[in-house]
Amino acid sequence: MAKPVSIEVWNPSGKYRVISTKPMPGTRWINLLVQQGCRVEICTEKKTILSVEDIIALIGDKCDGVIGQLTEDWGETLFSALSRAGGKAFSNMAVGYNNVDVNAANKYGVAVGNTPGVLTETTAELAASLSLAAARRIVEADEFMRAGLYDGWLPNLYVGNLLKGQTVGVIGAGRIGSAYARMMVEAYAEFLKASGEKPVTWKRASSMDEVLRQADVISLHPVLDKTTYHLVNKERLAIMKKEAILVNCSRGPVIDEVALVEHLRANPMFRVGLDVFEDEPFMKPGLADMKNAIVVPHIASASKWTREGMATLAALNVLGKIKGYPIWSDPNQVEPFLNENAPPPAASPSIVNAKALGLPVSKL
């Protein structure tokens, strides 16, 4: 028998039982569920990542839907348990769902939600921040100051790269990649205009290798699937410029981290900014020792507005399926769901397997 898991309960007498495997930012998502007759149970277990057994214990004998996290392994075992408990909905509090076996969800008739449209700008902002921080060696310089090592200005002290006039490459120019490109252009566009210089230009590369060879700064924004696993490997690192900057705010396994550590060690002027890692929460041996690597703990979407919005969208995905609502026609246009001054539309914001399950699309 599974060990009981500690929970916090809202609206104990609610008709529908909805589980959240983690406390999530804000309270709007809770209020929206409670207002529609849901009993909300939030796992308060002091574990960063819940095991499959923990989640099965949470689901129990009756559960209408679950809001989960990208760190959890949602496959055959969990979807089977949710189905046995009468559940028809699961939503990741994330835009990516590489932790979810969608085929298994289809098998058990479980709708799988995600949260696109709300984290585009904030993820792009972190990618831009990492690009600038890596170029100007800000983290190294900060550590130097905090260690009490600064005893005066020196001509060669933490000399980095000037980004003005450099080539920025984007691999995976979807919503987030495009927003990143826009931010990097906007950083200099007005300055160039005021100085009477040529404006920033852009072109679509003929191949990824062309981007890797020519760009001074490269930001990765592809989805993670079989075709993008270890997209950046030893061979592709070798064709990049020796002083290039590589940023990854997509998914960790897009980069072969062992090869990256070797490359960083052999090329001290090559720098990286990483928000995600191949074996999260762990880093490959040696990465933490690299002064030419900036590493942050998967915080690309960590702005207050974004995380609260993600929680709201995840909750409404589950609520929509419980209530039998149709699927929102454009999952990237989520403003109506995030407007706190009006009730959200009677629809599920984003269900990735809606077509496979034959779910109707909203006419709104």
Protein backbone atom coordinates (compact mmCIF):
# COMPACT_ATOMS: atom_id res chain seq x y z
CA MET A 1 0.00 0.00 0.00
CA ALA A 2 1.34 3.43 -0.94
CA LYS A 3 2.50 5.70 1.89
CA PRO A 4 0.09 8.63 2.50
CA VAL A 5 1.22 11.97 1.07
CA SER A 6 0.68 15.25 2.92
CA ILE A 7 -1.87 17.61 1.34
CA GLU A 8 -3.60 20.96 1.81
CA VAL A 9 -7.34 20.92 1.01
CA TRP A 10 -9.51 23.71 -0.38
CA ASN A 11 -13.31 23.38 -0.55
CA PRO A 12 -13.53 19.94 1.13
CA SER A 13 -17.13 19.37 0.04
CA GLY A 14 -16.47 20.06 -3.65
CA LYS A 15 -18.09 17.76 -6.22
CA TYR A 16 -14.97 17.24 -8.35
CA ARG A 17 -11.59 16.21 -6.92
CA VAL A 18 -8.60 17.94 -8.51
CA ILE A 19 -5.03 17.23 -7.41
CA SER A 20 -2.04 19.54 -7.76
CA THR A 21 1.23 17.72 -7.27
CA LYS A 22 2.91 20.96 -6.13
CA PRO A 23 1.90 24.26 -4.55
CA MET A 24 1.75 26.78 -7.42
CA PRO A 25 2.13 30.59 -7.46
CA GLY A 26 -0.90 32.75 -6.78
CA THR A 27 -4.39 31.81 -5.66
CA ARG A 28 -6.46 32.64 -8.73
CA TRP A 29 -6.08 29.12 -10.08
CA ILE A 30 -7.42 27.72 -6.79
CA ASN A 31 -10.33 30.15 -6.69
CA LEU A 32 -11.34 29.35 -10.28
CA LEU A 33 -11.50 25.63 -9.48
CA VAL A 34 -13.34 26.15 -6.19
CA GLN A 35 -15.90 28.46 -7.82
CA GLN A 36 -16.76 25.65 -10.23
CA GLY A 37 -17.37 23.11 -7.49
CA CYS A 38 -13.94 21.47 -7.24
CA ARG A 39 -12.30 20.10 -4.13
CA VAL A 40 -8.65 21.10 -4.58
CA GLU A 41 -5.93 19.03 -2.94
CA ILE A 42 -2.39 20.43 -3.08
CA CYS A 43 0.52 18.15 -2.27
CA THR A 44 2.72 19.70 0.43
CA GLU A 45 5.19 16.83 0.64
CA LYS A 46 8.74 18.14 1.23
CA LYS A 47 10.13 16.64 -1.97
CA THR A 48 11.30 18.56 -4.99
CA ILE A 49 10.33 15.72 -7.34
CA LEU A 50 7.51 13.30 -6.55
CA SER A 51 7.91 9.64 -7.45
CA VAL A 52 5.37 7.68 -9.46
CA GLU A 53 4.35 5.96 -6.22
CA ASP A 54 3.78 9.31 -4.52
CA ILE A 55 1.51 10.48 -7.33
CA ILE A 56 -0.44 7.22 -7.32
CA ALA A 57 -1.04 7.77 -3.60
CA LEU A 58 -2.29 11.28 -4.35
CA ILE A 59 -4.64 10.07 -7.09
CA GLY A 60 -6.23 7.49 -4.80
CA ASP A 61 -9.53 5.80 -5.68
CA LYS A 62 -11.36 8.85 -7.03
CA CYS A 63 -9.77 11.72 -8.91
CA ASP A 64 -11.22 13.84 -11.70
CA GLY A 65 -8.02 15.56 -12.81
CA VAL A 66 -4.40 16.29 -11.97
CA ILE A 67 -2.18 19.33 -12.42
CA GLY A 68 1.41 18.13 -12.60
CA GLN A 69 4.96 19.29 -13.22
CA LEU A 70 7.54 18.78 -15.94
CA THR A 71 9.78 16.86 -13.52
CA GLU A 72 7.28 14.01 -13.23
CA ASP A 73 7.17 10.85 -15.32
CA TRP A 74 3.67 10.74 -16.75
CA GLY A 75 3.50 7.45 -18.59
CA GLU A 76 1.45 4.26 -18.72
CA THR A 77 1.50 3.67 -14.96
CA LEU A 78 0.14 7.07 -13.97
CA PHE A 79 -2.40 7.40 -16.75
CA SER A 80 -3.69 3.93 -15.92
CA ALA A 81 -4.04 4.91 -12.25
CA LEU A 82 -5.78 8.17 -13.13
CA SER A 83 -8.18 6.39 -15.47
CA ARG A 84 -9.06 3.78 -12.82
CA ALA A 85 -9.88 6.67 -10.46
CA GLY A 86 -12.25 8.15 -13.04
CA GLY A 87 -9.90 10.93 -14.12
CA LYS A 88 -10.09 12.38 -17.61
CA ALA A 89 -7.62 15.26 -17.48
CA PHE A 90 -3.96 15.95 -16.75
CA SER A 91 -2.16 19.24 -17.36
CA ASN A 92 1.52 20.02 -17.21
CA MET A 93 2.32 23.40 -15.72
CA ALA A 94 4.69 23.90 -18.65
CA VAL A 95 4.63 24.50 -22.38
CA GLY A 96 6.85 21.46 -23.03
CA TYR A 97 5.55 17.95 -22.39
CA ASN A 98 8.49 15.67 -23.16
CA ASN A 99 7.86 14.12 -19.72
CA VAL A 100 4.43 12.94 -20.89
CA ASP A 101 3.70 9.78 -22.88
CA VAL A 102 0.85 11.20 -24.95
CA ASN A 103 0.17 7.82 -26.58
CA ALA A 104 -0.44 6.34 -23.14
CA ALA A 105 -2.78 9.22 -22.33
CA ASN A 106 -4.67 8.57 -25.57
CA LYS A 107 -4.97 4.90 -24.68
CA TYR A 108 -6.75 5.78 -21.43
CA GLY A 109 -8.75 8.68 -22.86
CA VAL A 110 -6.98 11.31 -20.75
CA ALA A 111 -6.72 14.86 -22.10
CA VAL A 112 -3.20 16.30 -21.77
CA GLY A 113 -2.91 20.03 -21.23
CA ASN A 114 0.05 22.40 -21.46
CA THR A 115 0.55 26.14 -21.02
CA PRO A 116 1.80 27.89 -24.19
CA GLY A 117 1.34 31.56 -24.95
CA VAL A 118 2.12 32.81 -21.44
CA LEU A 119 5.87 32.28 -21.13
CA THR A 120 7.16 33.49 -24.50
CA GLU A 121 8.47 36.87 -23.41
CA THR A 122 9.84 35.85 -20.03
CA THR A 123 11.78 32.90 -21.49
CA ALA A 124 13.18 35.09 -24.25
CA GLU A 125 14.17 37.67 -21.63
CA LEU A 126 16.23 35.11 -19.72
CA ALA A 127 17.92 33.93 -22.93
CA ALA A 128 18.82 37.55 -23.71
CA SER A 129 20.03 38.05 -20.13
CA LEU A 130 22.25 34.98 -20.31
CA SER A 131 23.63 36.15 -23.67
CA LEU A 132 24.64 39.51 -22.23
CA ALA A 133 25.89 38.07 -18.94
CA ALA A 134 28.07 35.53 -20.75
CA ALA A 135 29.40 38.10 -23.21
CA ARG A 136 30.43 40.51 -20.45
CA ARG A 137 31.48 37.82 -17.92
CA ILE A 138 29.17 39.30 -15.32
CA VAL A 139 28.91 36.23 -13.07
CA GLU A 140 32.69 35.75 -12.96
CA ALA A 141 33.17 39.42 -12.11
CA ASP A 142 30.49 39.28 -9.41
CA GLU A 143 32.18 36.29 -7.75
CA PHE A 144 35.53 38.10 -7.96
CA MET A 145 34.10 41.12 -6.14
CA ARG A 146 32.36 39.06 -3.46
CA ALA A 147 35.59 37.20 -2.77
CA GLY A 148 37.29 40.50 -1.92
CA LEU A 149 39.82 40.17 -4.73
CA TYR A 150 39.28 43.54 -6.39
CA ASP A 151 42.07 45.97 -5.52
CA GLY A 152 41.79 48.40 -8.42
CA TRP A 153 41.06 48.83 -12.12
CA LEU A 154 43.23 46.88 -14.57
CA PRO A 155 43.25 47.03 -18.39
CA ASN A 156 42.76 43.25 -18.78
CA LEU A 157 40.38 42.62 -15.89
CA TYR A 158 37.41 40.48 -17.06
CA VAL A 159 37.53 41.59 -20.66
CA GLY A 160 34.52 40.17 -22.49
CA ASN A 161 32.85 40.48 -25.90
CA LEU A 162 31.14 43.51 -27.39
CA LEU A 163 27.84 42.37 -28.93
CA LYS A 164 27.29 45.44 -31.11
CA GLY A 165 27.98 44.43 -34.68
CA GLN A 166 28.06 40.71 -33.88
CA THR A 167 26.00 37.97 -35.50
CA VAL A 168 23.25 36.43 -33.39
CA GLY A 169 21.95 33.02 -34.41
CA VAL A 170 18.64 31.47 -33.36
CA ILE A 171 18.02 27.75 -33.69
CA GLY A 172 14.32 27.05 -33.31
CA ALA A 173 12.76 30.35 -34.40
CA GLY A 174 9.27 29.70 -33.06
CA ARG A 175 7.50 32.05 -30.68
CA ILE A 176 10.25 32.16 -28.03
CA GLY A 177 13.14 32.14 -30.50
CA SER A 178 11.54 34.96 -32.47
CA ALA A 179 10.95 37.00 -29.31
CA TYR A 180 14.60 36.51 -28.35
CA ALA A 181 15.73 37.70 -31.79
CA ARG A 182 13.54 40.77 -31.49
CA MET A 183 14.96 41.62 -28.07
CA MET A 184 18.53 41.30 -29.26
CA VAL A 185 17.78 43.60 -32.20
CA GLU A 186 15.90 46.14 -30.09
CA ALA A 187 18.85 46.41 -27.73
CA TYR A 188 20.79 48.20 -30.48
CA ALA A 189 18.24 49.36 -33.05
CA GLU A 190 17.58 52.81 -31.57
CA PHE A 191 21.27 53.33 -30.78
CA LEU A 192 22.22 52.56 -34.38
CA LYS A 193 19.45 54.79 -35.72
CA ALA A 194 20.51 57.69 -33.52
CA SER A 195 24.13 57.24 -34.56
CA GLY A 196 23.28 57.24 -38.26
CA GLU A 197 24.58 53.69 -38.64
CA LYS A 198 23.17 50.87 -40.74
CA PRO A 199 20.21 49.08 -39.15
CA VAL A 200 20.38 45.50 -37.98
CA THR A 201 19.71 43.02 -40.78
CA TRP A 202 18.60 39.40 -40.69
CA LYS A 203 18.42 36.38 -42.94
CA ARG A 204 17.15 32.81 -42.79
CA ALA A 205 20.05 30.37 -42.74
CA SER A 206 20.15 27.46 -45.16
CA SER A 207 21.12 25.02 -42.41
CA MET A 208 21.78 24.76 -38.71
CA ASP A 209 25.48 24.25 -39.38
CA GLU A 210 25.55 27.60 -41.19
CA VAL A 211 24.25 29.26 -38.03
CA LEU A 212 26.80 27.46 -35.88
CA ARG A 213 29.69 28.46 -38.13
CA GLN A 214 28.77 32.10 -38.60
CA ALA A 215 27.11 33.29 -35.39
CA ASP A 216 28.91 34.91 -32.47
CA VAL A 217 25.96 34.27 -30.14
CA ILE A 218 23.66 31.27 -30.58
CA SER A 219 20.44 30.74 -28.65
CA LEU A 220 18.71 27.34 -28.73
CA HIS A 221 14.90 27.20 -28.78
CA PRO A 222 13.86 23.91 -30.44
CA VAL A 223 11.35 21.44 -29.05
CA LEU A 224 12.90 18.26 -27.65
CA ASP A 225 12.21 15.12 -29.67
CA LYS A 226 14.22 12.36 -31.32
CA THR A 227 15.50 14.73 -33.99
CA THR A 228 16.81 17.35 -31.55
CA TYR A 229 18.34 15.07 -28.90
CA HIS A 230 22.05 16.02 -28.72
CA LEU A 231 21.48 18.46 -31.54
CA VAL A 232 24.61 20.24 -30.33
CA ASN A 233 27.26 17.55 -30.03
CA LYS A 234 31.05 17.28 -30.19
CA GLU A 235 31.16 17.69 -33.97
CA ARG A 236 28.89 20.74 -34.01
CA LEU A 237 30.68 22.40 -31.12
CA ALA A 238 33.89 22.02 -33.11
CA ILE A 239 32.58 24.08 -36.03
CA MET A 240 31.55 27.02 -33.84
CA LYS A 241 33.74 30.08 -33.36
CA LYS A 242 36.30 29.71 -30.57
CA GLU A 243 34.88 32.76 -28.75
CA ALA A 244 31.22 32.04 -29.46
CA ILE A 245 28.48 32.20 -26.83
CA LEU A 246 25.93 29.38 -26.63
CA VAL A 247 22.65 29.81 -24.71
CA ASN A 248 20.10 27.11 -23.94
CA CYS A 249 16.68 27.87 -22.44
CA SER A 250 14.85 25.04 -24.23
CA ARG A 251 15.50 21.52 -22.90
CA GLY A 252 18.76 20.14 -21.53
CA PRO A 253 19.19 17.06 -23.75
CA VAL A 254 19.38 19.31 -26.83
CA ILE A 255 23.07 19.63 -25.86
CA ASP A 256 25.47 16.72 -25.31
CA GLU A 257 26.61 17.96 -21.90
CA VAL A 258 29.68 15.70 -21.68
CA ALA A 259 30.92 17.04 -25.01
CA LEU A 260 30.13 20.58 -23.85
CA VAL A 261 32.28 20.23 -20.73
CA GLU A 262 35.18 18.99 -22.85
CA HIS A 263 34.73 21.91 -25.25
CA LEU A 264 34.58 24.48 -22.46
CA ARG A 265 37.74 23.07 -20.92
CA ALA A 266 39.62 23.14 -24.23
CA ASN A 267 38.32 26.59 -25.26
CA PRO A 268 38.35 28.99 -22.28
CA MET A 269 37.04 31.92 -24.37
CA PHE A 270 33.98 29.90 -25.47
CA ARG A 271 31.12 30.65 -23.08
CA VAL A 272 27.70 29.22 -22.34
CA GLY A 273 24.56 30.29 -20.49
CA LEU A 274 22.43 27.33 -19.42
CA ASP A 275 18.99 27.30 -17.83
CA VAL A 276 18.37 23.59 -18.48
CA PHE A 277 20.44 20.44 -18.13
CA GLU A 278 20.60 16.99 -19.62
CA ASP A 279 19.93 15.08 -16.39
CA GLU A 280 18.05 17.63 -14.29
CA PRO A 281 18.44 18.36 -11.47
CA PHE A 282 22.03 17.18 -11.94
CA MET A 283 24.85 18.60 -14.07
CA LYS A 284 27.39 16.43 -15.81
CA PRO A 285 30.71 16.15 -13.93
CA GLY A 286 32.95 19.15 -14.43
CA LEU A 287 30.31 21.62 -15.63
CA ALA A 288 30.02 23.36 -12.25
CA ASP A 289 33.78 23.97 -12.27
CA MET A 290 33.79 25.78 -15.59
CA LYS A 291 34.31 29.53 -15.15
CA ASN A 292 33.14 30.05 -18.73
CA ALA A 293 29.70 28.60 -17.95
CA ILE A 294 26.77 30.45 -16.39
CA VAL A 295 24.30 27.97 -14.91
CA VAL A 296 20.88 28.84 -13.46
CA PRO A 297 18.20 26.45 -12.12
CA HIS A 298 15.55 26.29 -14.86
CA ILE A 299 14.12 29.75 -14.17
CA ALA A 300 13.32 30.93 -17.71
CA SER A 301 9.60 31.23 -16.94
CA ALA A 302 10.15 32.47 -13.39
CA SER A 303 8.47 35.86 -13.48
CA LYS A 304 5.56 36.32 -11.09
CA TRP A 305 3.03 37.12 -13.83
CA THR A 306 4.12 34.19 -15.98
CA ARG A 307 4.17 31.53 -13.29
CA GLU A 308 0.78 32.61 -11.93
CA GLY A 309 -0.53 32.56 -15.50
CA MET A 310 0.86 29.07 -16.09
CA ALA A 311 -0.89 27.83 -12.93
CA THR A 312 -4.15 29.39 -14.10
CA LEU A 313 -3.94 27.85 -17.58
CA ALA A 314 -3.06 24.41 -16.19
CA ALA A 315 -6.03 24.55 -13.81
CA LEU A 316 -8.40 25.68 -16.57
CA ASN A 317 -7.23 22.85 -18.83
CA VAL A 318 -8.30 20.34 -16.19
CA LEU A 319 -11.49 22.21 -15.32
CA GLY A 320 -12.48 22.48 -18.98
CA LYS A 321 -12.31 18.72 -19.49
CA ILE A 322 -14.19 18.03 -16.25
CA LYS A 323 -16.94 20.42 -17.33
CA GLY A 324 -17.06 19.15 -20.90
CA TYR A 325 -15.98 22.47 -22.40
CA PRO A 326 -14.56 22.62 -25.95
CA ILE A 327 -10.91 23.36 -26.72
CA TRP A 328 -9.78 26.96 -27.26
CA SER A 329 -9.10 27.45 -30.96
CA ASP A 330 -5.73 29.20 -30.57
CA PRO A 331 -3.65 28.09 -27.55
CA ASN A 332 -1.19 30.93 -28.09
CA GLN A 333 -3.86 33.60 -27.61
CA VAL A 334 -4.40 33.18 -23.88
CA GLU A 335 -5.13 36.75 -22.77
CA PRO A 336 -8.86 36.09 -22.18
CA PHE A 337 -7.94 33.39 -19.65
CA LEU A 338 -5.49 35.63 -17.81
CA ASN A 339 -7.72 38.68 -17.46
CA GLU A 340 -8.46 38.85 -13.74
CA ASN A 341 -11.28 41.35 -14.27
CA ALA A 342 -13.50 38.98 -16.25
CA PRO A 343 -14.51 35.31 -16.05
CA PRO A 344 -12.38 33.07 -18.29
CA PRO A 345 -13.92 31.61 -21.46
CA ALA A 346 -15.78 28.31 -21.12
CA ALA A 347 -12.99 26.37 -22.85
CA SER A 348 -9.81 24.43 -22.16
CA PRO A 349 -6.89 26.73 -23.11
CA SER A 350 -4.61 24.06 -24.60
CA ILE A 351 -5.07 20.28 -24.94
CA VAL A 352 -2.26 18.75 -26.98
CA ASN A 353 -4.09 15.51 -27.80
CA ALA A 354 -7.48 17.08 -28.49
CA LYS A 355 -7.52 15.83 -32.09
CA ALA A 356 -6.57 12.28 -31.10
CA LEU A 357 -9.39 12.21 -28.55
CA GLY A 358 -11.89 13.83 -30.93
CA LEU A 359 -12.57 16.77 -28.64
CA PRO A 360 -14.61 19.68 -30.07
CA VAL A 361 -13.02 23.06 -30.75
CA SER A 362 -14.52 26.26 -29.36
CA LYS A 363 -16.29 28.64 -31.76
CA LEU A 364 -15.43 31.62 -29.55
